């Protein structure tokens, strides 16, 4: 018996040949109609093993240094195409909203963009053997360089489809990215959720990114957000990580990690996608006073899957602590809040200094303005939604959040 290897056998004798089997194997390898073709000159040439080059059409592929940037930031495109002979390049970077187009003809161009928005990138390559192209839609998200001002503070109710002027997403490649849900919300008409139910444990997370947000001078800076989550088992180790960036996403600083057992309800939901009840929502507060003096800030929520169920987020707020000349001895009460129809605004201190009451929507648009005639004042009935009550006076300013339900 001889020891060898038979690739057509899967049992315990796959390495055992008889002398006749040895002769048969050699005959197959020598046959011009069987495996003898493997070492023929024509087959070696066709498979690239003859030492000679093969002429073939190019295959386009590329990558980018960053998918999120601000106006004026440097962006690099990297050619990763496959080809035998030299190719010519045509890059097309197009704003999908305005149609503005930039073109480049080098292998690895570096460039900046002067308009914020979403950009499509297309690479076309050509040589004597043929041509190919690759297009990536909405590859680049470009934000305003100085950030966007939100009055009286930043609030995001997760109402619009992703991506939008506030939010963008970055995935880890498994196509299980953050998305909008109109079936689940804490307030308003929608929330954002991560479809974590169908995700296995992952070392890389999926990110939901806001900003840059233009900041105002303040004594303190606080991030608050609502979330709802359920584990499948007590062993799940999902994490929600919160990062901030002061350089438009070029680098990130980790400011909070919330583990699975703190992220949501204690009840386990093992066998079906989690849909939260109204009582399941929690609120997390992150102090960001170390970043209060930066001109703008980006916020990133990264869900790292560890076996758990879906995660929902709503009502993200970035609020400022008032300066000393805005501190009031008055205590304002808005009741009921949330309210069904009419609500009443009241104050318990005679020297409150307030002169006007302004009602704003979450985009900072003024809806109503009234002179204060306290100590109690009925507020107008508004459509269902979230509002900001702005109280202004001589040297004072305060803000209250108001939720109107119907």
Foldseek 3Di string as FASTA:
>chain_A
DAFDAAPVDDDPCRGPDDPVRVVVVVVQCCDPVHVVVCPDPVNCVVVVNPVDDDAAEKEWDKDKPDQFEAAPDKIKIATPIDGDDDKWKWKWKAAPPPRDIDIDTDRMDIDGHHDFHFIKIKMKIDDPRGIYMDIDGSRHGYAHQLKDEFPPFAKFFLPDWPPDNFKHKDAPPPPQEKTKDQVAGLFDRIWIKGQLQPDAFDPFWIKIKGMQYFADAFQWKKKKKKKAFAFQDPPFWKKKWKWKDLRRPPDIDTQDIDTPCRRWDPDHDNDDADGDDNVTMDMDMTTDRVCRPRRTMMMMITIGGRRTHMMIIGIITMDGHHDPLADFPKDKDWPPAQDAFKIKIAIDDPPRQWFKKWKAARRRHTDDIDTDPDNMDIDHGDPFGKIKIWTDGDSHIDIDIGGYDD
